[in-house]
Amino acid sequence: MPRPPRPPSRSPRPAAAPRRVAKPAPAEPRLILLNKPFDVLTQFNDEQGRATLKDFVAVPGVYPAGRLDRDSEGLLLLTNDGRLQARIADPKHKLAKTYWVQVEGEPDAAQLQRLRDGVELNDGPTLPAEARLLEEPQLWERQPPVRFRKSVPTAWLELVIREGRNRQVRRMTAAVGLPTLRLVRVRIGPWSLDGLAPGEWREVPACLP
């Protein structure tokens, strides 16, 4: 008698990928507001010996929620809570960030409107921003001082954005013909510098906005 046909062989099921286990929330969530000085990296270690957050914040277990360029100053948030870090740093939450920007040139109404409408950058158009002229703010002296061209006037702007692209504010002002000379972040969502001197920090309740 002919043999019955063999059932088709089944390939073994691929092993299920291991599930990522969410890191448990810290027993004591912490949130630190730091006034990051100019020329300081937004990290705790640097093989080249440059200034880092370690030189100012001696708190174990915290890490930056977002970034601030080495050549920018002002408010930086640090936390030990991954959920809070994601809430602050993830652009999808569109947490407003307020900057005081010293620019080269005298902004006109058309340039301010371009910033408000959104600026076309090489990685796509920006979201609409809030932009207004600002009286020169009472800030600390930057070290080293800003280099000015005596023949070119400068002005201050307040710019509020809800994105987090690389060097976005500098690229926006440059795109409308106003190169940035000095950039200070003064507010992120509900948190502000509120009198912190460069290198100083304070701890606030670690609450989700």
C-alpha atoms as a PDB file:
ATOM      1  CA  MET A   1       0.000   0.000   0.000  1.00  0.00           C
ATOM      2  CA  PRO A   2       1.218   3.470  -0.768  1.00  0.00           C
ATOM      3  CA  ARG A   3       2.330   5.472   2.210  1.00  0.00           C
ATOM      4  CA  PRO A   4       0.112   8.401   3.201  1.00  0.00           C
ATOM      5  CA  PRO A   5       1.585  11.785   2.376  1.00  0.00           C
ATOM      6  CA  ARG A   6       3.708  13.283   5.125  1.00  0.00           C
ATOM      7  CA  PRO A   7       2.280  16.404   6.702  1.00  0.00           C
ATOM      8  CA  PRO A   8       4.175  19.549   5.770  1.00  0.00           C
ATOM      9  CA  SER A   9       6.969  20.322   8.178  1.00  0.00           C
ATOM     10  CA  ARG A  10       6.466  23.312  10.365  1.00  0.00           C
ATOM     11  CA  SER A  11       9.300  25.679  11.001  1.00  0.00           C
ATOM     12  CA  PRO A  12       9.872  26.317  14.661  1.00  0.00           C
ATOM     13  CA  ARG A  13       8.303  29.453  16.017  1.00  0.00           C
ATOM     14  CA  PRO A  14      10.745  32.258  16.529  1.00  0.00           C
ATOM     15  CA  ALA A  15      11.537  32.905  20.123  1.00  0.00           C
ATOM     16  CA  ALA A  16       9.540  35.746  21.538  1.00  0.00           C
ATOM     17  CA  ALA A  17      11.538  38.890  22.070  1.00  0.00           C
ATOM     18  CA  PRO A  18      12.140  39.555  25.741  1.00  0.00           C
ATOM     19  CA  ARG A  19       9.703  42.091  27.090  1.00  0.00           C
ATOM     20  CA  ARG A  20      11.188  45.330  28.289  1.00  0.00           C
ATOM     21  CA  VAL A  21      10.526  45.770  31.941  1.00  0.00           C
ATOM     22  CA  ALA A  22       9.736  49.324  32.858  1.00  0.00           C
ATOM     23  CA  LYS A  23      12.178  50.769  35.321  1.00  0.00           C
ATOM     24  CA  PRO A  24      10.405  51.231  38.618  1.00  0.00           C
ATOM     25  CA  ALA A  25       9.787  54.771  39.748  1.00  0.00           C
ATOM     26  CA  PRO A  26      12.312  55.968  42.312  1.00  0.00           C
ATOM     27  CA  ALA A  27      11.237  55.864  45.925  1.00  0.00           C
ATOM     28  CA  GLU A  28      11.950  59.571  46.175  1.00  0.00           C
ATOM     29  CA  PRO A  29      11.549  61.340  42.795  1.00  0.00           C
ATOM     30  CA  ARG A  30      13.773  64.389  42.535  1.00  0.00           C
ATOM     31  CA  LEU A  31      13.701  67.415  40.241  1.00  0.00           C
ATOM     32  CA  ILE A  32      16.544  69.917  40.163  1.00  0.00           C
ATOM     33  CA  LEU A  33      16.623  73.296  38.426  1.00  0.00           C
ATOM     34  CA  LEU A  34      20.130  74.349  37.371  1.00  0.00           C
ATOM     35  CA  ASN A  35      21.340  77.574  35.804  1.00  0.00           C
ATOM     36  CA  LYS A  36      23.830  76.030  33.388  1.00  0.00           C
ATOM     37  CA  PRO A  37      26.746  78.370  32.728  1.00  0.00           C
ATOM     38  CA  PHE A  38      28.182  79.106  29.301  1.00  0.00           C
ATOM     39  CA  ASP A  39      30.738  76.573  27.994  1.00  0.00           C
ATOM     40  CA  VAL A  40      29.447  73.691  30.123  1.00  0.00           C
ATOM     41  CA  LEU A  41      28.433  70.373  28.553  1.00  0.00           C
ATOM     42  CA  THR A  42      25.007  68.905  29.345  1.00  0.00           C
ATOM     43  CA  GLN A  43      26.491  65.648  30.620  1.00  0.00           C
ATOM     44  CA  PHE A  44      28.355  64.434  33.691  1.00  0.00           C
ATOM     45  CA  ASN A  45      31.561  63.125  32.109  1.00  0.00           C
ATOM     46  CA  ASP A  46      33.881  64.242  29.339  1.00  0.00           C
ATOM     47  CA  GLU A  47      37.053  62.480  28.211  1.00  0.00           C
ATOM     48  CA  GLN A  48      38.489  65.780  26.985  1.00  0.00           C
ATOM     49  CA  GLY A  49      38.365  67.367  30.415  1.00  0.00           C
ATOM     50  CA  ARG A  50      35.804  70.050  29.547  1.00  0.00           C
ATOM     51  CA  ALA A  51      33.420  71.483  32.140  1.00  0.00           C
ATOM     52  CA  THR A  52      30.375  69.263  32.777  1.00  0.00           C
ATOM     53  CA  LEU A  53      27.387  69.124  35.096  1.00  0.00           C
ATOM     54  CA  LYS A  54      29.525  67.191  37.570  1.00  0.00           C
ATOM     55  CA  ASP A  55      31.320  70.442  38.366  1.00  0.00           C
ATOM     56  CA  PHE A  56      28.078  71.971  39.682  1.00  0.00           C
ATOM     57  CA  VAL A  57      25.605  69.246  40.734  1.00  0.00           C
ATOM     58  CA  ALA A  58      26.821  66.713  43.302  1.00  0.00           C
ATOM     59  CA  VAL A  59      23.556  64.769  43.441  1.00  0.00           C
ATOM     60  CA  PRO A  60      23.760  61.041  42.675  1.00  0.00           C
ATOM     61  CA  GLY A  61      21.330  59.392  40.296  1.00  0.00           C
ATOM     62  CA  VAL A  62      20.005  62.433  38.434  1.00  0.00           C
ATOM     63  CA  TYR A  63      20.352  63.055  34.712  1.00  0.00           C
ATOM     64  CA  PRO A  64      19.323  65.844  32.308  1.00  0.00           C
ATOM     65  CA  ALA A  65      15.754  66.064  31.076  1.00  0.00           C
ATOM     66  CA  GLY A  66      16.528  67.515  27.649  1.00  0.00           C
ATOM     67  CA  ARG A  67      19.620  69.324  26.510  1.00  0.00           C
ATOM     68  CA  LEU A  68      21.108  72.790  26.355  1.00  0.00           C
ATOM     69  CA  ASP A  69      23.979  73.514  23.993  1.00  0.00           C
ATOM     70  CA  ARG A  70      27.447  74.084  25.372  1.00  0.00           C
ATOM     71  CA  ASP A  71      27.423  77.690  24.113  1.00  0.00           C
ATOM     72  CA  SER A  72      23.966  78.405  25.593  1.00  0.00           C
ATOM     73  CA  GLU A  73      23.113  79.334  29.167  1.00  0.00           C
ATOM     74  CA  GLY A  74      20.229  79.069  31.548  1.00  0.00           C
ATOM     75  CA  LEU A  75      17.634  76.632  32.797  1.00  0.00           C
ATOM     76  CA  LEU A  76      18.344  72.917  32.698  1.00  0.00           C
ATOM     77  CA  LEU A  77      16.197  70.329  34.487  1.00  0.00           C
ATOM     78  CA  LEU A  78      17.646  67.186  36.040  1.00  0.00           C
ATOM     79  CA  THR A  79      15.724  64.267  37.520  1.00  0.00           C
ATOM     80  CA  ASN A  80      16.052  60.673  38.696  1.00  0.00           C
ATOM     81  CA  ASP A  81      12.542  59.834  37.431  1.00  0.00           C
ATOM     82  CA  GLY A  82      12.413  58.372  33.919  1.00  0.00           C
ATOM     83  CA  ARG A  83       8.713  59.099  33.498  1.00  0.00           C
ATOM     84  CA  LEU A  84       9.203  62.758  34.378  1.00  0.00           C
ATOM     85  CA  GLN A  85      12.287  62.945  32.163  1.00  0.00           C
ATOM     86  CA  ALA A  86      10.275  61.669  29.189  1.00  0.00           C
ATOM     87  CA  ARG A  87       7.430  64.063  29.916  1.00  0.00           C
ATOM     88  CA  ILE A  88       9.809  67.027  29.898  1.00  0.00           C
ATOM     89  CA  ALA A  89      12.121  66.046  27.045  1.00  0.00           C
ATOM     90  CA  ASP A  90       9.791  64.386  24.512  1.00  0.00           C
ATOM     91  CA  PRO A  91       8.785  66.952  21.840  1.00  0.00           C
ATOM     92  CA  LYS A  92       5.363  65.312  21.424  1.00  0.00           C
ATOM     93  CA  HIS A  93       4.303  66.905  24.704  1.00  0.00           C
ATOM     94  CA  LYS A  94       5.166  70.368  23.286  1.00  0.00           C
ATOM     95  CA  LEU A  95       6.260  71.798  26.607  1.00  0.00           C
ATOM     96  CA  ALA A  96       6.890  75.507  26.051  1.00  0.00           C
ATOM     97  CA  LYS A  97      10.498  76.672  26.348  1.00  0.00           C
ATOM     98  CA  THR A  98      11.228  80.394  26.715  1.00  0.00           C
ATOM     99  CA  TYR A  99      14.510  81.929  25.563  1.00  0.00           C
ATOM    100  CA  TRP A 100      15.999  85.392  25.793  1.00  0.00           C
ATOM    101  CA  VAL A 101      18.059  85.853  22.670  1.00  0.00           C
ATOM    102  CA  GLN A 102      20.552  88.599  21.906  1.00  0.00           C
ATOM    103  CA  VAL A 103      20.773  88.973  18.142  1.00  0.00           C
ATOM    104  CA  GLU A 104      22.914  90.937  15.757  1.00  0.00           C
ATOM    105  CA  GLY A 105      20.828  93.534  13.948  1.00  0.00           C
ATOM    106  CA  GLU A 106      17.599  95.405  14.588  1.00  0.00           C
ATOM    107  CA  PRO A 107      14.569  93.133  14.090  1.00  0.00           C
ATOM    108  CA  ASP A 108      11.729  94.533  12.030  1.00  0.00           C
ATOM    109  CA  ALA A 109       8.069  93.546  12.011  1.00  0.00           C
ATOM    110  CA  ALA A 110       8.504  91.214   9.039  1.00  0.00           C
ATOM    111  CA  GLN A 111      11.304  89.253  10.701  1.00  0.00           C
ATOM    112  CA  LEU A 112       9.328  88.851  13.909  1.00  0.00           C
ATOM    113  CA  GLN A 113       6.305  87.667  11.935  1.00  0.00           C
ATOM    114  CA  ARG A 114       8.390  85.057  10.132  1.00  0.00           C
ATOM    115  CA  LEU A 115       9.469  83.661  13.492  1.00  0.00           C
ATOM    116  CA  ARG A 116       5.846  83.590  14.656  1.00  0.00           C
ATOM    117  CA  ASP A 117       4.627  81.881  11.486  1.00  0.00           C
ATOM    118  CA  GLY A 118       7.343  79.216  11.432  1.00  0.00           C
ATOM    119  CA  VAL A 119      10.689  79.246   9.679  1.00  0.00           C
ATOM    120  CA  GLU A 120      11.798  76.905   6.915  1.00  0.00           C
ATOM    121  CA  LEU A 121      14.946  75.076   8.050  1.00  0.00           C
ATOM    122  CA  ASN A 122      16.960  72.372   6.341  1.00  0.00           C
ATOM    123  CA  ASP A 123      15.070  69.730   8.356  1.00  0.00           C
ATOM    124  CA  GLY A 124      11.640  71.187   7.619  1.00  0.00           C
ATOM    125  CA  PRO A 125       9.501  74.081   8.804  1.00  0.00           C
ATOM    126  CA  THR A 126       9.340  74.924  12.478  1.00  0.00           C
ATOM    127  CA  LEU A 127       6.103  75.167  14.386  1.00  0.00           C
ATOM    128  CA  PRO A 128       4.751  78.671  14.957  1.00  0.00           C
ATOM    129  CA  ALA A 129       6.566  80.416  17.803  1.00  0.00           C
ATOM    130  CA  GLU A 130       5.948  83.354  20.074  1.00  0.00           C
ATOM    131  CA  ALA A 131       8.381  86.188  19.331  1.00  0.00           C
ATOM    132  CA  ARG A 132       8.603  89.722  20.642  1.00  0.00           C
ATOM    133  CA  LEU A 133      11.170  92.452  21.179  1.00  0.00           C
ATOM    134  CA  LEU A 134      12.562  92.583  24.688  1.00  0.00           C
ATOM    135  CA  GLU A 135      14.154  95.359  26.682  1.00  0.00           C
ATOM    136  CA  GLU A 136      17.718  94.379  27.571  1.00  0.00           C
ATOM    137  CA  PRO A 137      17.251  92.002  30.515  1.00  0.00           C
ATOM    138  CA  GLN A 138      19.170  92.220  33.785  1.00  0.00           C
ATOM    139  CA  LEU A 139      21.457  89.217  33.409  1.00  0.00           C
ATOM    140  CA  TRP A 140      24.776  88.127  34.824  1.00  0.00           C
ATOM    141  CA  GLU A 141      27.940  88.950  32.893  1.00  0.00           C
ATOM    142  CA  ARG A 142      28.827  86.115  30.581  1.00  0.00           C
ATOM    143  CA  GLN A 143      32.319  84.657  30.823  1.00  0.00           C
ATOM    144  CA  PRO A 144      33.894  85.057  28.338  1.00  0.00           C
ATOM    145  CA  PRO A 145      32.005  88.172  27.203  1.00  0.00           C
ATOM    146  CA  VAL A 146      30.035  88.221  23.970  1.00  0.00           C
ATOM    147  CA  ARG A 147      32.014  89.497  20.997  1.00  0.00           C
ATOM    148  CA  PHE A 148      30.306  92.432  19.323  1.00  0.00           C
ATOM    149  CA  ARG A 149      30.890  94.224  16.082  1.00  0.00           C
ATOM    150  CA  LYS A 150      30.909  97.913  16.994  1.00  0.00           C
ATOM    151  CA  SER A 151      29.412  98.892  13.662  1.00  0.00           C
ATOM    152  CA  VAL A 152      26.384  96.581  14.008  1.00  0.00           C
ATOM    153  CA  PRO A 153      23.585  97.179  16.558  1.00  0.00           C
ATOM    154  CA  THR A 154      22.175  94.358  18.675  1.00  0.00           C
ATOM    155  CA  ALA A 155      18.747  93.646  20.146  1.00  0.00           C
ATOM    156  CA  TRP A 156      17.038  91.205  22.505  1.00  0.00           C
ATOM    157  CA  LEU A 157      14.129  88.930  21.665  1.00  0.00           C
ATOM    158  CA  GLU A 158      11.927  86.683  23.751  1.00  0.00           C
ATOM    159  CA  LEU A 159      11.260  83.502  21.807  1.00  0.00           C
ATOM    160  CA  VAL A 160       8.932  80.711  22.953  1.00  0.00           C
ATOM    161  CA  ILE A 161       9.079  77.387  21.094  1.00  0.00           C
ATOM    162  CA  ARG A 162       7.481  73.980  21.626  1.00  0.00           C
ATOM    163  CA  GLU A 163       9.983  71.800  19.803  1.00  0.00           C
ATOM    164  CA  GLY A 164      13.456  70.551  20.616  1.00  0.00           C
ATOM    165  CA  ARG A 165      15.483  70.408  17.421  1.00  0.00           C
ATOM    166  CA  ASN A 166      19.250  70.670  17.472  1.00  0.00           C
ATOM    167  CA  ARG A 167      20.296  74.339  17.856  1.00  0.00           C
ATOM    168  CA  GLN A 168      16.815  75.332  16.774  1.00  0.00           C
ATOM    169  CA  VAL A 169      16.674  78.881  18.149  1.00  0.00           C
ATOM    170  CA  ARG A 170      20.031  79.807  16.629  1.00  0.00           C
ATOM    171  CA  ARG A 171      18.976  78.393  13.271  1.00  0.00           C
ATOM    172  CA  MET A 172      15.635  80.196  13.382  1.00  0.00           C
ATOM    173  CA  THR A 173      17.113  83.623  14.053  1.00  0.00           C
ATOM    174  CA  ALA A 174      19.828  83.074  11.446  1.00  0.00           C
ATOM    175  CA  ALA A 175      17.182  82.089   8.876  1.00  0.00           C
ATOM    176  CA  VAL A 176      15.489  85.481   9.246  1.00  0.00           C
ATOM    177  CA  GLY A 177      18.775  87.409   9.117  1.00  0.00           C
ATOM    178  CA  LEU A 178      19.361  87.864  12.852  1.00  0.00           C
ATOM    179  CA  PRO A 179      22.405  85.840  13.994  1.00  0.00           C
ATOM    180  CA  THR A 180      22.311  84.869  17.663  1.00  0.00           C
ATOM    181  CA  LEU A 181      25.054  86.295  19.866  1.00  0.00           C
ATOM    182  CA  ARG A 182      23.832  85.089  23.250  1.00  0.00           C
ATOM    183  CA  LEU A 183      21.156  82.558  24.169  1.00  0.00           C
ATOM    184  CA  VAL A 184      19.652  82.147  27.648  1.00  0.00           C
ATOM    185  CA  ARG A 185      16.819  79.732  28.453  1.00  0.00           C
ATOM    186  CA  VAL A 186      14.726  81.200  31.254  1.00  0.00           C
ATOM    187  CA  ARG A 187      11.697  78.886  31.462  1.00  0.00           C
ATOM    188  CA  ILE A 188      10.575  75.328  30.668  1.00  0.00           C
ATOM    189  CA  GLY A 189       6.849  74.809  31.151  1.00  0.00           C
ATOM    190  CA  PRO A 190       6.049  75.899  34.717  1.00  0.00           C
ATOM    191  CA  TRP A 191       9.685  76.006  35.860  1.00  0.00           C
ATOM    192  CA  SER A 192      11.877  79.121  35.663  1.00  0.00           C
ATOM    193  CA  LEU A 193      15.330  80.334  36.660  1.00  0.00           C
ATOM    194  CA  ASP A 194      13.801  82.647  39.272  1.00  0.00           C
ATOM    195  CA  GLY A 195      17.002  84.295  40.479  1.00  0.00           C
ATOM    196  CA  LEU A 196      19.446  81.389  40.191  1.00  0.00           C
ATOM    197  CA  ALA A 197      22.990  82.580  39.478  1.00  0.00           C
ATOM    198  CA  PRO A 198      25.135  80.647  36.958  1.00  0.00           C
ATOM    199  CA  GLY A 199      26.117  77.288  38.445  1.00  0.00           C
ATOM    200  CA  GLU A 200      23.493  77.450  41.200  1.00  0.00           C
ATOM    201  CA  TRP A 201      20.660  74.948  41.533  1.00  0.00           C
ATOM    202  CA  ARG A 202      17.648  74.302  43.700  1.00  0.00           C
ATOM    203  CA  GLU A 203      15.346  71.346  44.195  1.00  0.00           C
ATOM    204  CA  VAL A 204      11.602  71.603  43.595  1.00  0.00           C
ATOM    205  CA  PRO A 205       8.736  69.110  43.936  1.00  0.00           C
ATOM    206  CA  ALA A 206       9.012  66.425  41.263  1.00  0.00           C
ATOM    207  CA  CYS A 207       5.515  66.840  39.872  1.00  0.00           C
ATOM    208  CA  LEU A 208       4.394  66.131  36.319  1.00  0.00           C
ATOM    209  CA  PRO A 209       3.174  69.339  34.613  1.00  0.00           C
END
